[in-house]
C-alpha atoms as a PDB file:
ATOM      1  CA  UNK A   1      -3.431  -7.308  40.929  1.00  0.00           C
ATOM      2  CA  UNK A   2      -3.949  -7.207  44.248  1.00  0.00           C
ATOM      3  CA  UNK A   3      -3.689 -10.098  47.045  1.00  0.00           C
ATOM      4  CA  UNK A   4      -4.070 -10.230  50.337  1.00  0.00           C
ATOM      5  CA  UNK A   5      -1.875 -12.700  52.605  1.00  0.00           C
ATOM      6  CA  UNK A   6      -3.679 -13.660  55.587  1.00  0.00           C
ATOM      7  CA  UNK A   7      -0.587 -14.721  58.230  1.00  0.00           C
ATOM      8  CA  UNK A   8       1.675 -12.914  55.702  1.00  0.00           C
ATOM      9  CA  UNK A   9       4.475 -12.608  58.292  1.00  0.00           C
ATOM     10  CA  UNK A  10       4.724 -15.333  58.763  1.00  0.00           C
ATOM     11  CA  UNK A  11       7.173 -18.313  57.705  1.00  0.00           C
ATOM     12  CA  UNK A  12       5.181 -19.801  54.511  1.00  0.00           C
ATOM     13  CA  UNK A  13       3.516 -16.249  54.134  1.00  0.00           C
ATOM     14  CA  UNK A  14       7.130 -14.477  53.903  1.00  0.00           C
ATOM     15  CA  UNK A  15       8.461 -16.272  51.455  1.00  0.00           C
ATOM     16  CA  UNK A  16       4.788 -16.901  49.282  1.00  0.00           C
ATOM     17  CA  UNK A  17       5.020 -12.736  49.505  1.00  0.00           C
ATOM     18  CA  UNK A  18       8.386 -12.824  47.931  1.00  0.00           C
ATOM     19  CA  UNK A  19       7.560 -14.592  45.275  1.00  0.00           C
ATOM     20  CA  UNK A  20       4.284 -12.663  44.943  1.00  0.00           C
ATOM     21  CA  UNK A  21       5.960  -9.363  44.741  1.00  0.00           C
ATOM     22  CA  UNK A  22       8.179 -10.763  41.916  1.00  0.00           C
ATOM     23  CA  UNK A  23       5.675 -11.503  39.442  1.00  0.00           C
ATOM     24  CA  UNK A  24       4.608  -7.973  40.164  1.00  0.00           C
ATOM     25  CA  UNK A  25       1.435  -8.657  42.519  1.00  0.00           C
ATOM     26  CA  UNK A  26       0.745  -6.193  44.623  1.00  0.00           C
ATOM     27  CA  UNK A  27       0.738  -7.392  48.168  1.00  0.00           C
ATOM     28  CA  UNK A  28      -1.795  -6.667  51.465  1.00  0.00           C
ATOM     29  CA  UNK A  29      -0.642  -8.443  54.769  1.00  0.00           C
ATOM     30  CA  UNK A  30      -2.962  -8.921  57.854  1.00  0.00           C
ATOM     31  CA  UNK A  31      -0.850 -10.700  60.528  1.00  0.00           C
ATOM     32  CA  UNK A  32      -1.616 -10.288  64.307  1.00  0.00           C
ATOM     33  CA  UNK A  33       2.133 -11.388  64.948  1.00  0.00           C
ATOM     34  CA  UNK A  34       1.451 -13.628  67.434  1.00  0.00           C
ATOM     35  CA  UNK A  35       4.068 -16.119  66.133  1.00  0.00           C
ATOM     36  CA  UNK A  36       5.816 -13.760  63.677  1.00  0.00           C
ATOM     37  CA  UNK A  37       7.714 -10.661  63.598  1.00  0.00           C
ATOM     38  CA  UNK A  38       7.566  -7.056  61.834  1.00  0.00           C
ATOM     39  CA  UNK A  39      10.741  -7.295  60.874  1.00  0.00           C
ATOM     40  CA  UNK A  40      10.226 -10.472  58.621  1.00  0.00           C
ATOM     41  CA  UNK A  41       8.107  -7.986  55.977  1.00  0.00           C
ATOM     42  CA  UNK A  42      10.569  -5.286  56.280  1.00  0.00           C
ATOM     43  CA  UNK A  43      13.122  -7.398  55.053  1.00  0.00           C
ATOM     44  CA  UNK A  44      10.848  -9.090  52.486  1.00  0.00           C
ATOM     45  CA  UNK A  45      11.141  -5.359  50.989  1.00  0.00           C
ATOM     46  CA  UNK A  46      14.431  -5.322  51.079  1.00  0.00           C
ATOM     47  CA  UNK A  47      15.026  -8.721  48.886  1.00  0.00           C
ATOM     48  CA  UNK A  48      11.980  -7.393  46.441  1.00  0.00           C
ATOM     49  CA  UNK A  49      12.863  -3.704  46.395  1.00  0.00           C
ATOM     50  CA  UNK A  50       9.327  -3.272  46.689  1.00  0.00           C
ATOM     51  CA  UNK A  51       6.332  -2.125  49.122  1.00  0.00           C
ATOM     52  CA  UNK A  52       4.241  -4.285  51.257  1.00  0.00           C
ATOM     53  CA  UNK A  53       0.604  -2.712  52.695  1.00  0.00           C
ATOM     54  CA  UNK A  54       0.608  -4.149  55.900  1.00  0.00           C
ATOM     55  CA  UNK A  55      -2.520  -4.406  58.763  1.00  0.00           C
ATOM     56  CA  UNK A  56      -1.162  -5.749  62.426  1.00  0.00           C
ATOM     57  CA  UNK A  57      -4.713  -7.185  63.305  1.00  0.00           C
ATOM     58  CA  UNK A  58      -6.560 -11.011  63.518  1.00  0.00           C
ATOM     59  CA  UNK A  59      -8.984 -12.286  60.904  1.00  0.00           C
ATOM     60  CA  UNK A  60     -10.835 -12.954  64.025  1.00  0.00           C
ATOM     61  CA  UNK A  61     -12.037  -8.820  63.517  1.00  0.00           C
ATOM     62  CA  UNK A  62     -14.478  -8.435  61.401  1.00  0.00           C
ATOM     63  CA  UNK A  63     -14.203  -5.180  61.244  1.00  0.00           C
ATOM     64  CA  UNK A  64     -10.528  -4.749  61.085  1.00  0.00           C
ATOM     65  CA  UNK A  65     -11.040  -7.319  57.853  1.00  0.00           C
ATOM     66  CA  UNK A  66     -13.938  -5.061  56.284  1.00  0.00           C
ATOM     67  CA  UNK A  67     -11.819  -2.090  56.525  1.00  0.00           C
ATOM     68  CA  UNK A  68      -8.907  -3.558  54.818  1.00  0.00           C
ATOM     69  CA  UNK A  69     -11.024  -4.280  51.970  1.00  0.00           C
ATOM     70  CA  UNK A  70     -12.786  -1.189  52.312  1.00  0.00           C
ATOM     71  CA  UNK A  71      -9.202   0.696  51.611  1.00  0.00           C
ATOM     72  CA  UNK A  72      -7.506  -2.086  49.046  1.00  0.00           C
ATOM     73  CA  UNK A  73      -9.068  -3.580  46.145  1.00  0.00           C
ATOM     74  CA  UNK A  74      -8.374  -6.795  46.715  1.00  0.00           C
ATOM     75  CA  UNK A  75      -8.832  -9.194  44.223  1.00  0.00           C
ATOM     76  CA  UNK A  76      -7.774 -12.723  45.762  1.00  0.00           C
ATOM     77  CA  UNK A  77      -7.223 -13.892  48.736  1.00  0.00           C
ATOM     78  CA  UNK A  78      -3.831 -16.265  50.409  1.00  0.00           C
ATOM     79  CA  UNK A  79      -4.848 -17.799  53.419  1.00  0.00           C
ATOM     80  CA  UNK A  80      -2.253 -18.908  56.176  1.00  0.00           C
ATOM     81  CA  UNK A  81      -3.626 -17.385  59.658  1.00  0.00           C
ATOM     82  CA  UNK A  82      -3.978 -20.164  61.942  1.00  0.00           C
ATOM     83  CA  UNK A  83      -2.617 -22.065  64.984  1.00  0.00           C
ATOM     84  CA  UNK A  84      -0.917 -25.030  63.447  1.00  0.00           C
ATOM     85  CA  UNK A  85       1.466 -27.147  66.417  1.00  0.00           C
ATOM     86  CA  UNK A  86      -0.358 -30.404  66.684  1.00  0.00           C
ATOM     87  CA  UNK A  87       0.790 -31.376  70.257  1.00  0.00           C
ATOM     88  CA  UNK A  88      -0.580 -27.761  71.263  1.00  0.00           C
ATOM     89  CA  UNK A  89      -4.192 -28.609  69.354  1.00  0.00           C
ATOM     90  CA  UNK A  90      -4.232 -32.119  71.437  1.00  0.00           C
ATOM     91  CA  UNK A  91      -3.743 -30.139  74.767  1.00  0.00           C
ATOM     92  CA  UNK A  92      -6.433 -26.612  73.827  1.00  0.00           C
ATOM     93  CA  UNK A  93      -8.374 -27.808  70.900  1.00  0.00           C
ATOM     94  CA  UNK A  94     -10.836 -25.249  71.685  1.00  0.00           C
ATOM     95  CA  UNK A  95      -8.180 -22.491  71.215  1.00  0.00           C
ATOM     96  CA  UNK A  96      -7.307 -24.002  67.406  1.00  0.00           C
ATOM     97  CA  UNK A  97     -11.029 -24.121  66.912  1.00  0.00           C
ATOM     98  CA  UNK A  98     -11.687 -20.819  67.027  1.00  0.00           C
ATOM     99  CA  UNK A  99      -8.376 -18.818  65.286  1.00  0.00           C
ATOM    100  CA  UNK A 100      -8.401 -22.026  62.793  1.00  0.00           C
ATOM    101  CA  UNK A 101     -11.814 -22.351  62.012  1.00  0.00           C
ATOM    102  CA  UNK A 102     -13.992 -18.983  63.222  1.00  0.00           C
ATOM    103  CA  UNK A 103     -11.320 -17.097  61.849  1.00  0.00           C
ATOM    104  CA  UNK A 104     -11.688 -18.311  58.638  1.00  0.00           C
ATOM    105  CA  UNK A 105     -15.595 -18.435  58.669  1.00  0.00           C
ATOM    106  CA  UNK A 106     -14.725 -14.473  59.622  1.00  0.00           C
ATOM    107  CA  UNK A 107     -12.860 -13.972  56.324  1.00  0.00           C
ATOM    108  CA  UNK A 108     -15.028 -15.841  54.137  1.00  0.00           C
ATOM    109  CA  UNK A 109     -17.917 -13.708  55.050  1.00  0.00           C
ATOM    110  CA  UNK A 110     -16.083 -10.120  54.357  1.00  0.00           C
ATOM    111  CA  UNK A 111     -14.909 -11.815  51.578  1.00  0.00           C
ATOM    112  CA  UNK A 112     -18.487 -12.615  49.873  1.00  0.00           C
ATOM    113  CA  UNK A 113     -19.989  -8.922  51.241  1.00  0.00           C
ATOM    114  CA  UNK A 114     -16.962  -7.063  48.947  1.00  0.00           C
ATOM    115  CA  UNK A 115     -17.840  -9.890  45.815  1.00  0.00           C
ATOM    116  CA  UNK A 116     -14.019 -11.230  46.375  1.00  0.00           C
ATOM    117  CA  UNK A 117     -14.383 -14.977  45.503  1.00  0.00           C
ATOM    118  CA  UNK A 118     -10.492 -16.076  44.740  1.00  0.00           C
ATOM    119  CA  UNK A 119      -9.428 -18.145  47.569  1.00  0.00           C
ATOM    120  CA  UNK A 120      -6.444 -20.307  47.789  1.00  0.00           C
ATOM    121  CA  UNK A 121      -6.482 -21.830  51.366  1.00  0.00           C
ATOM    122  CA  UNK A 122      -3.702 -23.201  53.533  1.00  0.00           C
ATOM    123  CA  UNK A 123      -4.175 -27.096  53.696  1.00  0.00           C
ATOM    124  CA  UNK A 124      -1.780 -29.603  55.449  1.00  0.00           C
ATOM    125  CA  UNK A 125      -0.941 -33.414  54.921  1.00  0.00           C
ATOM    126  CA  UNK A 126      -2.822 -34.030  58.136  1.00  0.00           C
ATOM    127  CA  UNK A 127      -6.271 -34.314  56.400  1.00  0.00           C
ATOM    128  CA  UNK A 128      -5.135 -37.084  55.224  1.00  0.00           C
ATOM    129  CA  UNK A 129      -6.176 -40.630  57.155  1.00  0.00           C
ATOM    130  CA  UNK A 130      -3.016 -42.698  55.561  1.00  0.00           C
ATOM    131  CA  UNK A 131      -0.473 -44.388  57.866  1.00  0.00           C
ATOM    132  CA  UNK A 132       1.686 -46.819  55.114  1.00  0.00           C
ATOM    133  CA  UNK A 133       4.391 -45.225  53.662  1.00  0.00           C
ATOM    134  CA  UNK A 134       2.544 -45.153  50.385  1.00  0.00           C
ATOM    135  CA  UNK A 135       2.390 -41.748  47.851  1.00  0.00           C
ATOM    136  CA  UNK A 136      -0.063 -40.144  49.391  1.00  0.00           C
ATOM    137  CA  UNK A 137      -2.749 -38.673  46.031  1.00  0.00           C
ATOM    138  CA  UNK A 138      -5.511 -36.123  46.590  1.00  0.00           C
ATOM    139  CA  UNK A 139      -8.039 -39.147  46.410  1.00  0.00           C
ATOM    140  CA  UNK A 140      -7.278 -40.784  49.455  1.00  0.00           C
ATOM    141  CA  UNK A 141      -9.367 -40.986  52.544  1.00  0.00           C
ATOM    142  CA  UNK A 142      -9.602 -37.987  54.383  1.00  0.00           C
ATOM    143  CA  UNK A 143      -9.982 -37.715  58.314  1.00  0.00           C
ATOM    144  CA  UNK A 144      -7.026 -36.126  60.792  1.00  0.00           C
ATOM    145  CA  UNK A 145      -5.789 -38.049  63.686  1.00  0.00           C
ATOM    146  CA  UNK A 146      -5.337 -34.295  65.945  1.00  0.00           C
ATOM    147  CA  UNK A 147      -7.320 -31.253  66.466  1.00  0.00           C
ATOM    148  CA  UNK A 148      -5.010 -28.848  63.957  1.00  0.00           C
ATOM    149  CA  UNK A 149      -5.190 -31.686  61.147  1.00  0.00           C
ATOM    150  CA  UNK A 150      -9.058 -31.360  62.073  1.00  0.00           C
ATOM    151  CA  UNK A 151      -9.619 -27.764  61.954  1.00  0.00           C
ATOM    152  CA  UNK A 152      -8.105 -27.610  58.330  1.00  0.00           C
ATOM    153  CA  UNK A 153     -10.660 -30.292  57.511  1.00  0.00           C
ATOM    154  CA  UNK A 154     -13.463 -29.115  58.744  1.00  0.00           C
ATOM    155  CA  UNK A 155     -12.358 -25.628  56.618  1.00  0.00           C
ATOM    156  CA  UNK A 156     -11.937 -27.826  53.743  1.00  0.00           C
ATOM    157  CA  UNK A 157     -15.788 -29.036  53.654  1.00  0.00           C
ATOM    158  CA  UNK A 158     -16.552 -25.515  54.578  1.00  0.00           C
ATOM    159  CA  UNK A 159     -15.296 -24.560  51.405  1.00  0.00           C
ATOM    160  CA  UNK A 160     -16.390 -27.116  49.336  1.00  0.00           C
ATOM    161  CA  UNK A 161     -20.058 -26.272  51.262  1.00  0.00           C
ATOM    162  CA  UNK A 162     -19.424 -22.374  50.027  1.00  0.00           C
ATOM    163  CA  UNK A 163     -18.652 -23.458  46.226  1.00  0.00           C
ATOM    164  CA  UNK A 164     -21.905 -25.936  46.565  1.00  0.00           C
ATOM    165  CA  UNK A 165     -24.100 -23.104  47.200  1.00  0.00           C
ATOM    166  CA  UNK A 166     -22.427 -20.307  45.107  1.00  0.00           C
ATOM    167  CA  UNK A 167     -20.574 -21.743  42.058  1.00  0.00           C
ATOM    168  CA  UNK A 168     -18.917 -18.072  40.768  1.00  0.00           C
ATOM    169  CA  UNK A 169     -16.448 -19.305  43.755  1.00  0.00           C
ATOM    170  CA  UNK A 170     -12.874 -19.837  42.913  1.00  0.00           C
ATOM    171  CA  UNK A 171     -10.896 -22.200  45.234  1.00  0.00           C
ATOM    172  CA  UNK A 172      -7.493 -23.553  45.323  1.00  0.00           C
ATOM    173  CA  UNK A 173      -6.980 -26.061  48.446  1.00  0.00           C
ATOM    174  CA  UNK A 174      -2.987 -26.772  48.621  1.00  0.00           C
ATOM    175  CA  UNK A 175      -2.565 -29.919  50.625  1.00  0.00           C
ATOM    176  CA  UNK A 176       1.332 -29.317  51.847  1.00  0.00           C
ATOM    177  CA  UNK A 177       3.670 -31.755  53.488  1.00  0.00           C
ATOM    178  CA  UNK A 178       6.381 -30.441  55.852  1.00  0.00           C
ATOM    179  CA  UNK A 179       8.174 -26.973  54.578  1.00  0.00           C
ATOM    180  CA  UNK A 180      11.805 -26.416  55.984  1.00  0.00           C
ATOM    181  CA  UNK A 181      14.621 -24.511  54.684  1.00  0.00           C
ATOM    182  CA  UNK A 182      14.826 -20.415  54.377  1.00  0.00           C
ATOM    183  CA  UNK A 183      15.467 -17.888  51.430  1.00  0.00           C
ATOM    184  CA  UNK A 184      18.916 -17.977  50.284  1.00  0.00           C
ATOM    185  CA  UNK A 185      19.352 -13.822  50.570  1.00  0.00           C
ATOM    186  CA  UNK A 186      18.937 -15.558  54.563  1.00  0.00           C
ATOM    187  CA  UNK A 187      17.189 -12.942  55.780  1.00  0.00           C
ATOM    188  CA  UNK A 188      14.056 -14.365  56.109  1.00  0.00           C
ATOM    189  CA  UNK A 189      13.243 -18.209  57.454  1.00  0.00           C
ATOM    190  CA  UNK A 190      11.805 -20.070  60.407  1.00  0.00           C
ATOM    191  CA  UNK A 191      11.858 -17.598  63.495  1.00  0.00           C
ATOM    192  CA  UNK A 192       8.995 -18.885  65.705  1.00  0.00           C
ATOM    193  CA  UNK A 193       8.238 -16.901  69.052  1.00  0.00           C
ATOM    194  CA  UNK A 194       9.219 -19.262  72.240  1.00  0.00           C
ATOM    195  CA  UNK A 195       9.931 -22.830  72.083  1.00  0.00           C
ATOM    196  CA  UNK A 196       9.826 -23.817  68.247  1.00  0.00           C
ATOM    197  CA  UNK A 197       7.177 -26.757  67.395  1.00  0.00           C
ATOM    198  CA  UNK A 198       8.130 -27.289  64.289  1.00  0.00           C
ATOM    199  CA  UNK A 199      11.809 -29.683  63.393  1.00  0.00           C
ATOM    200  CA  UNK A 200      14.119 -27.396  62.036  1.00  0.00           C
ATOM    201  CA  UNK A 201      13.717 -24.267  63.487  1.00  0.00           C
ATOM    202  CA  UNK A 202      14.277 -27.099  67.123  1.00  0.00           C
ATOM    203  CA  UNK A 203      17.865 -28.072  65.208  1.00  0.00           C
ATOM    204  CA  UNK A 204      18.745 -24.308  64.158  1.00  0.00           C
ATOM    205  CA  UNK A 205      18.096 -23.394  68.494  1.00  0.00           C
ATOM    206  CA  UNK A 206      19.981 -26.748  69.615  1.00  0.00           C
ATOM    207  CA  UNK A 207      22.913 -25.517  66.770  1.00  0.00           C
ATOM    208  CA  UNK A 208      23.162 -21.974  68.334  1.00  0.00           C
ATOM    209  CA  UNK A 209      23.267 -22.769  71.744  1.00  0.00           C
ATOM    210  CA  UNK A 210      19.949 -21.714  72.271  1.00  0.00           C
ATOM    211  CA  UNK A 211      18.554 -24.684  73.559  1.00  0.00           C
ATOM    212  CA  UNK A 212      20.559 -28.038  74.858  1.00  0.00           C
ATOM    213  CA  UNK A 213      18.741 -30.941  73.053  1.00  0.00           C
ATOM    214  CA  UNK A 214      17.038 -31.592  70.244  1.00  0.00           C
ATOM    215  CA  UNK A 215      13.554 -34.069  71.655  1.00  0.00           C
ATOM    216  CA  UNK A 216      13.052 -36.837  68.902  1.00  0.00           C
ATOM    217  CA  UNK A 217       9.365 -37.820  69.612  1.00  0.00           C
ATOM    218  CA  UNK A 218       9.302 -41.983  69.088  1.00  0.00           C
ATOM    219  CA  UNK A 219      12.047 -44.323  67.659  1.00  0.00           C
ATOM    220  CA  UNK A 220      10.210 -47.378  67.332  1.00  0.00           C
ATOM    221  CA  UNK A 221       8.195 -46.314  64.270  1.00  0.00           C
ATOM    222  CA  UNK A 222       7.969 -48.799  61.924  1.00  0.00           C
ATOM    223  CA  UNK A 223      10.157 -46.532  59.606  1.00  0.00           C
ATOM    224  CA  UNK A 224      13.970 -47.141  58.776  1.00  0.00           C
ATOM    225  CA  UNK A 225      16.150 -45.616  61.398  1.00  0.00           C
ATOM    226  CA  UNK A 226      12.474 -45.501  63.779  1.00  0.00           C
ATOM    227  CA  UNK A 227      11.643 -42.075  63.949  1.00  0.00           C
ATOM    228  CA  UNK A 228       8.599 -40.541  62.157  1.00  0.00           C
ATOM    229  CA  UNK A 229       9.165 -39.964  57.943  1.00  0.00           C
ATOM    230  CA  UNK A 230       7.677 -37.338  56.207  1.00  0.00           C
ATOM    231  CA  UNK A 231       7.706 -35.166  52.978  1.00  0.00           C
ATOM    232  CA  UNK A 232       9.748 -32.383  53.663  1.00  0.00           C
ATOM    233  CA  UNK A 233       9.280 -29.762  50.618  1.00  0.00           C
ATOM    234  CA  UNK A 234      11.749 -26.273  50.556  1.00  0.00           C
ATOM    235  CA  UNK A 235       9.653 -23.148  51.951  1.00  0.00           C
ATOM    236  CA  UNK A 236      10.676 -21.335  48.099  1.00  0.00           C
ATOM    237  CA  UNK A 237       8.931 -24.257  46.454  1.00  0.00           C
ATOM    238  CA  UNK A 238       6.069 -24.063  48.323  1.00  0.00           C
ATOM    239  CA  UNK A 239       5.434 -20.192  48.076  1.00  0.00           C
ATOM    240  CA  UNK A 240       5.875 -20.503  44.025  1.00  0.00           C
ATOM    241  CA  UNK A 241       3.466 -23.306  43.889  1.00  0.00           C
ATOM    242  CA  UNK A 242       0.881 -20.554  45.854  1.00  0.00           C
ATOM    243  CA  UNK A 243       1.742 -18.185  43.076  1.00  0.00           C
ATOM    244  CA  UNK A 244       1.041 -20.832  40.217  1.00  0.00           C
ATOM    245  CA  UNK A 245      -2.194 -21.573  41.702  1.00  0.00           C
ATOM    246  CA  UNK A 246      -3.215 -18.424  41.709  1.00  0.00           C
ATOM    247  CA  UNK A 247      -2.361 -18.304  38.287  1.00  0.00           C
ATOM    248  CA  UNK A 248      -3.293 -21.507  36.406  1.00  0.00           C
ATOM    249  CA  UNK A 249      -6.843 -21.906  39.017  1.00  0.00           C
ATOM    250  CA  UNK A 250      -8.354 -19.657  37.597  1.00  0.00           C
ATOM    251  CA  UNK A 251     -11.995 -20.360  37.275  1.00  0.00           C
ATOM    252  CA  UNK A 252     -14.634 -21.615  39.379  1.00  0.00           C
ATOM    253  CA  UNK A 253     -14.468 -24.294  41.778  1.00  0.00           C
ATOM    254  CA  UNK A 254     -12.936 -26.065  44.067  1.00  0.00           C
ATOM    255  CA  UNK A 255      -9.042 -26.977  43.216  1.00  0.00           C
ATOM    256  CA  UNK A 256      -7.609 -29.818  45.774  1.00  0.00           C
ATOM    257  CA  UNK A 257      -3.622 -29.882  45.166  1.00  0.00           C
ATOM    258  CA  UNK A 258      -0.755 -31.657  47.310  1.00  0.00           C
ATOM    259  CA  UNK A 259       2.495 -29.481  47.158  1.00  0.00           C
ATOM    260  CA  UNK A 260       5.608 -32.379  48.578  1.00  0.00           C
ATOM    261  CA  UNK A 261       8.322 -34.359  46.682  1.00  0.00           C
ATOM    262  CA  UNK A 262       6.963 -37.921  46.754  1.00  0.00           C
ATOM    263  CA  UNK A 263      10.305 -38.404  49.088  1.00  0.00           C
ATOM    264  CA  UNK A 264      10.279 -39.208  52.548  1.00  0.00           C
ATOM    265  CA  UNK A 265      13.070 -38.307  54.981  1.00  0.00           C
ATOM    266  CA  UNK A 266      12.931 -39.236  58.566  1.00  0.00           C
ATOM    267  CA  UNK A 267      13.500 -37.230  61.545  1.00  0.00           C
ATOM    268  CA  UNK A 268      17.318 -38.452  61.874  1.00  0.00           C
ATOM    269  CA  UNK A 269      17.484 -38.149  58.056  1.00  0.00           C
ATOM    270  CA  UNK A 270      16.936 -34.225  58.529  1.00  0.00           C
ATOM    271  CA  UNK A 271      19.620 -34.326  61.712  1.00  0.00           C
ATOM    272  CA  UNK A 272      22.445 -36.161  59.986  1.00  0.00           C
ATOM    273  CA  UNK A 273      21.988 -33.725  56.482  1.00  0.00           C
ATOM    274  CA  UNK A 274      22.080 -30.559  58.493  1.00  0.00           C
ATOM    275  CA  UNK A 275      25.176 -31.954  60.433  1.00  0.00           C
ATOM    276  CA  UNK A 276      26.702 -32.760  57.345  1.00  0.00           C
ATOM    277  CA  UNK A 277      25.542 -29.866  55.500  1.00  0.00           C
ATOM    278  CA  UNK A 278      27.117 -27.138  58.431  1.00  0.00           C
ATOM    279  CA  UNK A 279      29.342 -28.715  60.161  1.00  0.00           C
ATOM    280  CA  UNK A 280      27.692 -28.769  63.504  1.00  0.00           C
ATOM    281  CA  UNK A 281      26.944 -31.439  65.856  1.00  0.00           C
ATOM    282  CA  UNK A 282      23.413 -31.547  67.078  1.00  0.00           C
ATOM    283  CA  UNK A 283      22.704 -33.283  70.431  1.00  0.00           C
ATOM    284  CA  UNK A 284      19.070 -35.316  70.418  1.00  0.00           C
ATOM    285  CA  UNK A 285      17.228 -37.512  72.790  1.00  0.00           C
ATOM    286  CA  UNK A 286      14.465 -39.855  71.832  1.00  0.00           C
ATOM    287  CA  UNK A 287      11.479 -38.617  74.177  1.00  0.00           C
ATOM    288  CA  UNK A 288       7.678 -40.545  74.333  1.00  0.00           C
ATOM    289  CA  UNK A 289       5.801 -40.349  70.919  1.00  0.00           C
ATOM    290  CA  UNK A 290       3.747 -37.389  70.508  1.00  0.00           C
ATOM    291  CA  UNK A 291       0.240 -37.614  70.196  1.00  0.00           C
ATOM    292  CA  UNK A 292      -1.487 -36.975  66.882  1.00  0.00           C
ATOM    293  CA  UNK A 293       1.327 -37.962  65.119  1.00  0.00           C
ATOM    294  CA  UNK A 294       1.626 -40.719  62.716  1.00  0.00           C
ATOM    295  CA  UNK A 295       4.747 -42.720  61.284  1.00  0.00           C
ATOM    296  CA  UNK A 296       5.071 -42.078  57.515  1.00  0.00           C
ATOM    297  CA  UNK A 297       3.146 -39.421  55.341  1.00  0.00           C
ATOM    298  CA  UNK A 298       4.686 -38.502  52.092  1.00  0.00           C
ATOM    299  CA  UNK A 299       2.974 -36.652  48.517  1.00  0.00           C
ATOM    300  CA  UNK A 300       1.716 -37.852  45.428  1.00  0.00           C
ATOM    301  CA  UNK A 301       3.089 -34.746  43.366  1.00  0.00           C
ATOM    302  CA  UNK A 302       1.690 -35.631  40.350  1.00  0.00           C
ATOM    303  CA  UNK A 303      -1.542 -33.665  40.394  1.00  0.00           C
ATOM    304  CA  UNK A 304       0.407 -30.643  41.072  1.00  0.00           C
ATOM    305  CA  UNK A 305       3.012 -30.925  38.215  1.00  0.00           C
ATOM    306  CA  UNK A 306      -0.208 -31.771  35.826  1.00  0.00           C
ATOM    307  CA  UNK A 307      -2.206 -28.752  36.903  1.00  0.00           C
ATOM    308  CA  UNK A 308       0.164 -26.542  38.024  1.00  0.00           C
ATOM    309  CA  UNK A 309       3.406 -27.258  36.128  1.00  0.00           C
ATOM    310  CA  UNK A 310       5.079 -27.318  39.204  1.00  0.00           C
ATOM    311  CA  UNK A 311       7.849 -29.614  40.574  1.00  0.00           C
ATOM    312  CA  UNK A 312       9.815 -29.044  43.538  1.00  0.00           C
ATOM    313  CA  UNK A 313      13.643 -28.494  42.778  1.00  0.00           C
ATOM    314  CA  UNK A 314      15.485 -28.467  45.800  1.00  0.00           C
ATOM    315  CA  UNK A 315      16.909 -31.309  47.682  1.00  0.00           C
ATOM    316  CA  UNK A 316      17.795 -32.374  51.413  1.00  0.00           C
ATOM    317  CA  UNK A 317      21.068 -30.258  51.430  1.00  0.00           C
ATOM    318  CA  UNK A 318      19.647 -27.337  49.798  1.00  0.00           C
ATOM    319  CA  UNK A 319      16.895 -27.647  52.318  1.00  0.00           C
END
């Protein structure tokens, strides 16, 4: 079975490629390398001792996608490609709508043309409106608080409409929370180009001296230490969830599932754990709240356990 992984050279994409190859899937990757490096895929091949077919292009390029489907018998698409920084989406929303929404439309059009109707979508907890420290289940009200989250939400609506128009589609929507950590080999992890937008790579660059200080956005939230609380999930656990979604969600439908731990940690919890595990000091400074952020967000993962047989197994120290 051949899987096309869009954005497969990125952080979650590379870890998912590892797990797919371990389960003997053939893996084809398209990535424009705007926030990733080809070396990461070379390292996936080193970890698994299996090949990846790679195309450097964007899902906005319809002819490039058609070329991939012509050259390969694609059975399923796992769709990671897209921009993902909340702050940047607030300052440049049109860029996010073009890349994330238009790119997905182009991809789905090509899939339909080639009668490939198995689709796993990388969605996000940002589609929820919840602002209270509760376990967020899949039936919570939807209504994203920032343009990035709205691109994910609009795509979810598109996928539901697509299935309503053609019930032969098999669509898995995986709403995951905050991936951190790296593969135990140490060969792949989160290594974005430029200044990081996510917490853990920023901490790493402070730890190595590449950046002088971690900016913590807000210490006046209604949380135990005033900093934002999130459900942090180990990226390997997350990657395994995508493989299970391909295997377990094998019948047509729209299957929606949270991938999270059900435990919330604050920004300073993560900083202190990093300091404790690695024996280093992380300098940080409190900054103003970031537009579009909410105080608390963590998952009710019970549906994933019931439907996928999936449970996150790695804790904060491993992350």
